[in-house]
Amino acid sequence: MRTYIQRRAARLGIEFIDRFNAETLEKILAVRENLLLLKFSRQPKVLVIYNKDDDSDAFVNNGFRQLFESGFDVVYFEAADVADINWLEAEITSANLERAFSILQLGGHGTLQDIQFGKLSGFNPRQRYRSR
């Protein structure tokens, strides 16, 4: 049986709720549930996009609490594929927040040349990025 918090997060496309303590998770959910009100906030805004595939728990120790404590409005999304990025773009656009962000933080697995949000079986970045 899913908890109330899990259901709220799932409606927003957030799967990795264990990345956050309860207080930070509540703030993240509240911001996402009230995106339309965010345009009236005078606080600087951070758009954070993390990957949905995180077998190594590399993103559990993150700086979200510090961002909130420093006065930022943090808008958090998780992405696994292009459809998730398109959904994110639609949400940001519908809330008229396209130019509202001071910082864009991307978190995913990958290399210096690219970032991976979802699972790519057989992906070899060296085949794609040869030395020039």
N, C-alpha and C. Protein backbone atom coordinates (compact mmCIF):
# COMPACT_ATOMS: atom_id res chain seq x y z
N MET A 1 0.84 -1.18 0.00
CA MET A 1 0.00 0.00 0.00
C MET A 1 0.89 1.25 0.00
N ARG A 2 0.59 2.15 -0.88
CA ARG A 2 1.38 3.36 -1.01
C ARG A 2 0.92 4.40 0.02
N THR A 3 1.90 5.12 0.52
CA THR A 3 1.59 6.16 1.49
C THR A 3 1.09 7.41 0.76
N TYR A 4 0.56 8.32 1.52
CA TYR A 4 0.09 9.59 0.97
C TYR A 4 1.22 10.33 0.27
N ILE A 5 2.38 10.37 0.88
CA ILE A 5 3.55 11.05 0.31
C ILE A 5 3.95 10.37 -1.00
N GLN A 6 3.98 9.05 -1.04
CA GLN A 6 4.33 8.33 -2.26
C GLN A 6 3.35 8.64 -3.39
N ARG A 7 2.06 8.73 -3.06
CA ARG A 7 1.05 9.04 -4.08
C ARG A 7 1.23 10.46 -4.60
N ARG A 8 1.49 11.41 -3.70
CA ARG A 8 1.74 12.79 -4.13
C ARG A 8 2.96 12.85 -5.05
N ALA A 9 4.03 12.19 -4.67
CA ALA A 9 5.26 12.19 -5.47
C ALA A 9 5.02 11.52 -6.82
N ALA A 10 4.31 10.40 -6.82
CA ALA A 10 4.04 9.68 -8.06
C ALA A 10 3.25 10.53 -9.05
N ARG A 11 2.29 11.30 -8.56
CA ARG A 11 1.52 12.19 -9.44
C ARG A 11 2.41 13.22 -10.12
N LEU A 12 3.53 13.54 -9.50
CA LEU A 12 4.47 14.52 -10.04
C LEU A 12 5.63 13.87 -10.79
N GLY A 13 5.60 12.55 -10.92
CA GLY A 13 6.66 11.85 -11.63
C GLY A 13 7.93 11.67 -10.82
N ILE A 14 7.83 11.80 -9.50
CA ILE A 14 9.01 11.65 -8.63
C ILE A 14 8.99 10.25 -8.02
N GLU A 15 9.99 9.46 -8.39
CA GLU A 15 10.06 8.07 -7.93
C GLU A 15 11.03 7.87 -6.78
N PHE A 16 12.11 8.63 -6.75
CA PHE A 16 13.17 8.42 -5.77
C PHE A 16 13.00 9.33 -4.56
N ILE A 17 11.95 9.09 -3.78
CA ILE A 17 11.70 9.94 -2.61
C ILE A 17 12.72 9.69 -1.50
N ASP A 18 13.42 8.56 -1.56
CA ASP A 18 14.44 8.27 -0.54
C ASP A 18 15.67 9.16 -0.69
N ARG A 19 15.73 9.96 -1.72
CA ARG A 19 16.85 10.90 -1.88
C ARG A 19 16.78 12.05 -0.88
N PHE A 20 15.63 12.20 -0.21
CA PHE A 20 15.38 13.37 0.61
C PHE A 20 14.92 13.00 2.00
N ASN A 21 15.23 13.87 2.96
CA ASN A 21 14.62 13.70 4.28
C ASN A 21 13.18 14.20 4.19
N ALA A 22 12.38 13.93 5.20
CA ALA A 22 10.94 14.23 5.15
C ALA A 22 10.67 15.72 4.95
N GLU A 23 11.41 16.57 5.63
CA GLU A 23 11.19 18.02 5.53
C GLU A 23 11.50 18.53 4.12
N THR A 24 12.62 18.10 3.56
CA THR A 24 13.00 18.53 2.21
C THR A 24 12.02 17.99 1.18
N LEU A 25 11.61 16.75 1.33
CA LEU A 25 10.65 16.16 0.40
C LEU A 25 9.34 16.93 0.41
N GLU A 26 8.88 17.31 1.58
CA GLU A 26 7.63 18.08 1.68
C GLU A 26 7.76 19.41 0.95
N LYS A 27 8.90 20.08 1.09
CA LYS A 27 9.12 21.35 0.40
C LYS A 27 9.14 21.15 -1.12
N ILE A 28 9.81 20.11 -1.57
CA ILE A 28 9.88 19.82 -3.01
C ILE A 28 8.49 19.55 -3.57
N LEU A 29 7.70 18.75 -2.87
CA LEU A 29 6.35 18.44 -3.33
C LEU A 29 5.47 19.69 -3.33
N ALA A 30 5.58 20.52 -2.30
CA ALA A 30 4.77 21.73 -2.20
C ALA A 30 5.07 22.69 -3.35
N VAL A 31 6.35 22.85 -3.69
CA VAL A 31 6.71 23.72 -4.81
C VAL A 31 6.13 23.19 -6.11
N ARG A 32 6.30 21.90 -6.37
CA ARG A 32 5.81 21.31 -7.62
C ARG A 32 4.29 21.37 -7.71
N GLU A 33 3.60 21.18 -6.59
CA GLU A 33 2.14 21.20 -6.59
C GLU A 33 1.59 22.61 -6.77
N ASN A 34 2.42 23.62 -6.56
CA ASN A 34 1.98 25.02 -6.65
C ASN A 34 2.85 25.80 -7.63
N LEU A 35 3.21 25.21 -8.74
CA LEU A 35 4.08 25.86 -9.71
C LEU A 35 3.53 27.20 -10.18
N LEU A 36 2.23 27.29 -10.36
CA LEU A 36 1.64 28.54 -10.84
C LEU A 36 1.89 29.71 -9.89
N LEU A 37 2.00 29.43 -8.60
CA LEU A 37 2.24 30.49 -7.62
C LEU A 37 3.70 30.91 -7.58
N LEU A 38 4.57 30.08 -8.12
CA LEU A 38 6.01 30.34 -8.04
C LEU A 38 6.41 31.62 -8.78
N LYS A 39 5.67 31.97 -9.83
CA LYS A 39 6.04 33.18 -10.58
C LYS A 39 5.89 34.45 -9.74
N PHE A 40 5.14 34.38 -8.64
CA PHE A 40 4.96 35.55 -7.78
C PHE A 40 6.02 35.64 -6.68
N SER A 41 6.80 34.60 -6.54
CA SER A 41 7.85 34.58 -5.52
C SER A 41 9.02 35.44 -5.97
N ARG A 42 9.58 36.18 -5.04
CA ARG A 42 10.76 37.01 -5.33
C ARG A 42 12.06 36.25 -5.08
N GLN A 43 11.96 35.03 -4.60
CA GLN A 43 13.15 34.22 -4.32
C GLN A 43 13.80 33.78 -5.64
N PRO A 44 15.12 33.64 -5.67
CA PRO A 44 15.76 33.07 -6.86
C PRO A 44 15.33 31.60 -7.01
N LYS A 45 15.26 31.16 -8.25
CA LYS A 45 14.74 29.82 -8.54
C LYS A 45 15.80 28.93 -9.15
N VAL A 46 15.77 27.67 -8.74
CA VAL A 46 16.68 26.65 -9.25
C VAL A 46 15.84 25.56 -9.88
N LEU A 47 16.16 25.20 -11.13
CA LEU A 47 15.53 24.05 -11.77
C LEU A 47 16.50 22.89 -11.69
N VAL A 48 16.08 21.82 -11.03
CA VAL A 48 16.92 20.64 -10.84
C VAL A 48 16.28 19.47 -11.57
N ILE A 49 17.05 18.83 -12.42
CA ILE A 49 16.58 17.63 -13.13
C ILE A 49 17.55 16.51 -12.82
N TYR A 50 17.05 15.49 -12.15
CA TYR A 50 17.85 14.30 -11.83
C TYR A 50 17.33 13.12 -12.62
N ASN A 51 18.17 12.13 -12.74
CA ASN A 51 17.82 10.92 -13.46
C ASN A 51 16.91 10.02 -12.62
N LYS A 52 16.09 9.23 -13.30
CA LYS A 52 15.24 8.26 -12.61
C LYS A 52 16.00 6.96 -12.34
N ASP A 53 17.02 6.68 -13.11
CA ASP A 53 17.80 5.46 -12.94
C ASP A 53 18.99 5.76 -12.05
N ASP A 54 18.98 5.22 -10.83
CA ASP A 54 20.06 5.53 -9.88
C ASP A 54 20.36 4.31 -9.03
N ASP A 55 20.89 3.27 -9.66
CA ASP A 55 21.20 2.03 -8.94
C ASP A 55 22.29 2.21 -7.90
N SER A 56 23.12 3.25 -8.06
CA SER A 56 24.25 3.43 -7.16
C SER A 56 23.95 4.37 -5.99
N ASP A 57 22.74 4.94 -5.94
CA ASP A 57 22.38 5.92 -4.91
C ASP A 57 23.32 7.12 -4.91
N ALA A 58 23.84 7.48 -6.07
CA ALA A 58 24.78 8.58 -6.19
C ALA A 58 24.15 9.93 -5.87
N PHE A 59 22.81 10.00 -5.93
CA PHE A 59 22.15 11.29 -5.74
C PHE A 59 21.40 11.39 -4.42
N VAL A 60 21.69 10.48 -3.51
CA VAL A 60 21.06 10.53 -2.19
C VAL A 60 21.65 11.66 -1.36
N ASN A 61 22.95 11.82 -1.42
CA ASN A 61 23.61 12.92 -0.69
C ASN A 61 23.66 14.12 -1.60
N ASN A 62 22.63 14.95 -1.49
CA ASN A 62 22.51 16.10 -2.38
C ASN A 62 22.40 17.37 -1.54
N GLY A 63 22.39 18.50 -2.19
CA GLY A 63 22.39 19.77 -1.47
C GLY A 63 21.05 20.47 -1.44
N PHE A 64 19.95 19.74 -1.52
CA PHE A 64 18.63 20.38 -1.58
C PHE A 64 18.31 21.17 -0.32
N ARG A 65 18.59 20.59 0.83
CA ARG A 65 18.30 21.29 2.07
C ARG A 65 19.03 22.63 2.12
N GLN A 66 20.30 22.64 1.70
CA GLN A 66 21.09 23.86 1.71
C GLN A 66 20.52 24.89 0.72
N LEU A 67 20.01 24.44 -0.42
CA LEU A 67 19.39 25.37 -1.38
C LEU A 67 18.18 26.05 -0.76
N PHE A 68 17.32 25.26 -0.10
CA PHE A 68 16.15 25.84 0.55
C PHE A 68 16.57 26.79 1.66
N GLU A 69 17.55 26.38 2.47
CA GLU A 69 18.00 27.22 3.57
C GLU A 69 18.65 28.52 3.08
N SER A 70 19.18 28.51 1.87
CA SER A 70 19.81 29.70 1.29
C SER A 70 18.78 30.61 0.62
N GLY A 71 17.51 30.22 0.67
CA GLY A 71 16.46 31.08 0.15
C GLY A 71 16.02 30.82 -1.28
N PHE A 72 16.45 29.72 -1.86
CA PHE A 72 16.05 29.39 -3.23
C PHE A 72 14.71 28.68 -3.25
N ASP A 73 13.93 28.94 -4.31
CA ASP A 73 12.79 28.10 -4.63
C ASP A 73 13.34 26.99 -5.52
N VAL A 74 13.21 25.75 -5.09
CA VAL A 74 13.78 24.63 -5.83
C VAL A 74 12.67 23.87 -6.53
N VAL A 75 12.76 23.80 -7.86
CA VAL A 75 11.80 23.06 -8.67
C VAL A 75 12.51 21.79 -9.14
N TYR A 76 12.04 20.65 -8.65
CA TYR A 76 12.72 19.37 -8.86
C TYR A 76 11.91 18.48 -9.80
N PHE A 77 12.57 17.93 -10.79
CA PHE A 77 11.99 16.95 -11.70
C PHE A 77 12.91 15.74 -11.80
N GLU A 78 12.33 14.61 -12.13
CA GLU A 78 13.10 13.42 -12.48
C GLU A 78 12.79 13.06 -13.93
N ALA A 79 13.81 12.62 -14.66
CA ALA A 79 13.64 12.29 -16.06
C ALA A 79 14.32 10.97 -16.38
N ALA A 80 13.67 10.21 -17.25
CA ALA A 80 14.26 8.96 -17.73
C ALA A 80 14.37 8.96 -19.25
N ASP A 81 13.60 9.82 -19.91
CA ASP A 81 13.58 9.80 -21.37
C ASP A 81 13.07 11.14 -21.91
N VAL A 82 12.96 11.21 -23.21
CA VAL A 82 12.52 12.44 -23.86
C VAL A 82 11.10 12.81 -23.45
N ALA A 83 10.25 11.82 -23.26
CA ALA A 83 8.87 12.11 -22.84
C ALA A 83 8.85 12.84 -21.50
N ASP A 84 9.71 12.44 -20.58
CA ASP A 84 9.79 13.13 -19.28
C ASP A 84 10.26 14.57 -19.44
N ILE A 85 11.23 14.79 -20.33
CA ILE A 85 11.73 16.15 -20.57
C ILE A 85 10.63 16.99 -21.21
N ASN A 86 9.88 16.41 -22.13
CA ASN A 86 8.77 17.13 -22.76
C ASN A 86 7.71 17.50 -21.73
N TRP A 87 7.43 16.60 -20.80
CA TRP A 87 6.45 16.86 -19.73
C TRP A 87 6.95 18.00 -18.85
N LEU A 88 8.22 17.95 -18.51
CA LEU A 88 8.84 19.01 -17.71
C LEU A 88 8.69 20.35 -18.42
N GLU A 89 9.02 20.38 -19.71
CA GLU A 89 8.92 21.62 -20.47
C GLU A 89 7.48 22.15 -20.49
N ALA A 90 6.52 21.25 -20.66
CA ALA A 90 5.11 21.66 -20.68
C ALA A 90 4.69 22.24 -19.32
N GLU A 91 5.14 21.62 -18.24
CA GLU A 91 4.80 22.12 -16.90
C GLU A 91 5.40 23.52 -16.66
N ILE A 92 6.65 23.69 -17.04
CA ILE A 92 7.33 24.98 -16.86
C ILE A 92 6.66 26.04 -17.72
N THR A 93 6.33 25.69 -18.96
CA THR A 93 5.69 26.64 -19.87
C THR A 93 4.29 27.02 -19.39
N SER A 94 3.51 26.05 -18.95
CA SER A 94 2.15 26.35 -18.52
C SER A 94 2.12 27.23 -17.27
N ALA A 95 3.20 27.19 -16.49
CA ALA A 95 3.30 28.05 -15.30
C ALA A 95 4.00 29.38 -15.61
N ASN A 96 4.31 29.61 -16.89
CA ASN A 96 5.00 30.84 -17.31
C ASN A 96 6.32 31.04 -16.59
N LEU A 97 7.09 29.98 -16.47
CA LEU A 97 8.37 30.04 -15.76
C LEU A 97 9.58 29.82 -16.67
N GLU A 98 9.39 29.97 -17.98
CA GLU A 98 10.46 29.65 -18.93
C GLU A 98 11.75 30.41 -18.65
N ARG A 99 11.67 31.63 -18.19
CA ARG A 99 12.86 32.46 -17.96
C ARG A 99 13.06 32.80 -16.49
N ALA A 100 12.47 32.02 -15.63
CA ALA A 100 12.47 32.35 -14.20
C ALA A 100 13.68 31.81 -13.44
N PHE A 101 14.42 30.90 -14.01
CA PHE A 101 15.43 30.18 -13.23
C PHE A 101 16.80 30.84 -13.30
N SER A 102 17.42 30.98 -12.13
CA SER A 102 18.77 31.51 -12.03
C SER A 102 19.80 30.42 -12.24
N ILE A 103 19.43 29.19 -11.86
CA ILE A 103 20.37 28.07 -11.90
C ILE A 103 19.66 26.86 -12.50
N LEU A 104 20.37 26.13 -13.36
CA LEU A 104 19.92 24.85 -13.87
C LEU A 104 20.91 23.81 -13.38
N GLN A 105 20.41 22.83 -12.65
CA GLN A 105 21.28 21.77 -12.13
C GLN A 105 20.82 20.44 -12.73
N LEU A 106 21.71 19.80 -13.49
CA LEU A 106 21.42 18.50 -14.08
C LEU A 106 22.21 17.43 -13.35
N GLY A 107 21.55 16.35 -13.02
CA GLY A 107 22.23 15.24 -12.36
C GLY A 107 21.89 13.95 -13.06
N GLY A 108 22.89 13.26 -13.52
CA GLY A 108 22.68 11.98 -14.20
C GLY A 108 24.01 11.25 -14.28
N HIS A 109 23.96 10.04 -14.71
CA HIS A 109 25.18 9.28 -14.92
C HIS A 109 25.64 9.52 -16.35
N GLY A 110 26.91 9.39 -16.60
CA GLY A 110 27.40 9.59 -17.95
C GLY A 110 28.87 9.90 -17.99
N THR A 111 29.23 10.69 -18.98
CA THR A 111 30.63 11.05 -19.21
C THR A 111 30.73 12.57 -19.28
N LEU A 112 31.92 13.06 -19.58
CA LEU A 112 32.08 14.50 -19.75
C LEU A 112 31.31 15.01 -20.95
N GLN A 113 31.04 14.13 -21.92
CA GLN A 113 30.38 14.55 -23.14
C GLN A 113 28.85 14.43 -23.10
N ASP A 114 28.33 13.55 -22.27
CA ASP A 114 26.87 13.40 -22.26
C ASP A 114 26.38 12.91 -20.91
N ILE A 115 25.08 13.08 -20.73
CA ILE A 115 24.43 12.73 -19.47
C ILE A 115 23.34 11.71 -19.77
N GLN A 116 23.19 10.76 -18.89
CA GLN A 116 22.22 9.69 -19.08
C GLN A 116 21.18 9.76 -17.97
N PHE A 117 19.91 9.92 -18.34
CA PHE A 117 18.84 9.96 -17.36
C PHE A 117 18.21 8.58 -17.17
N GLY A 118 18.12 7.79 -18.20
CA GLY A 118 17.49 6.47 -18.12
C GLY A 118 18.48 5.38 -18.44
N LYS A 119 17.99 4.16 -18.51
CA LYS A 119 18.85 3.02 -18.81
C LYS A 119 19.03 2.90 -20.32
N LEU A 120 20.26 2.75 -20.74
CA LEU A 120 20.57 2.55 -22.15
C LEU A 120 21.37 1.26 -22.26
N SER A 121 20.72 0.17 -22.56
CA SER A 121 21.43 -1.10 -22.64
C SER A 121 22.34 -1.08 -23.85
N GLY A 122 23.57 -1.50 -23.64
CA GLY A 122 24.54 -1.57 -24.72
C GLY A 122 25.12 -0.23 -25.13
N PHE A 123 24.85 0.82 -24.37
CA PHE A 123 25.35 2.16 -24.72
C PHE A 123 26.84 2.23 -24.48
N ASN A 124 27.58 2.69 -25.47
CA ASN A 124 29.01 2.88 -25.34
C ASN A 124 29.35 4.29 -25.81
N PRO A 125 29.62 5.22 -24.89
CA PRO A 125 29.87 6.60 -25.30
C PRO A 125 31.09 6.75 -26.20
N ARG A 126 32.04 5.83 -26.13
CA ARG A 126 33.23 5.94 -26.97
C ARG A 126 32.90 5.74 -28.44
N GLN A 127 31.85 4.97 -28.72
CA GLN A 127 31.44 4.80 -30.11
C GLN A 127 30.87 6.10 -30.67
N ARG A 128 30.25 6.87 -29.84
CA ARG A 128 29.59 8.09 -30.27
C ARG A 128 30.55 9.28 -30.28
N TYR A 129 31.44 9.35 -29.32
CA TYR A 129 32.36 10.48 -29.20
C TYR A 129 33.78 10.01 -29.43
N ARG A 130 34.17 10.00 -30.68
CA ARG A 130 35.54 9.64 -31.01
C ARG A 130 36.41 10.88 -30.95
N SER A 131 37.67 10.69 -30.65
CA SER A 131 38.56 11.85 -30.61
C SER A 131 38.66 12.47 -31.99
N ARG A 132 38.73 13.78 -32.03
CA ARG A 132 38.71 14.49 -33.32
C ARG A 132 40.03 15.11 -33.61
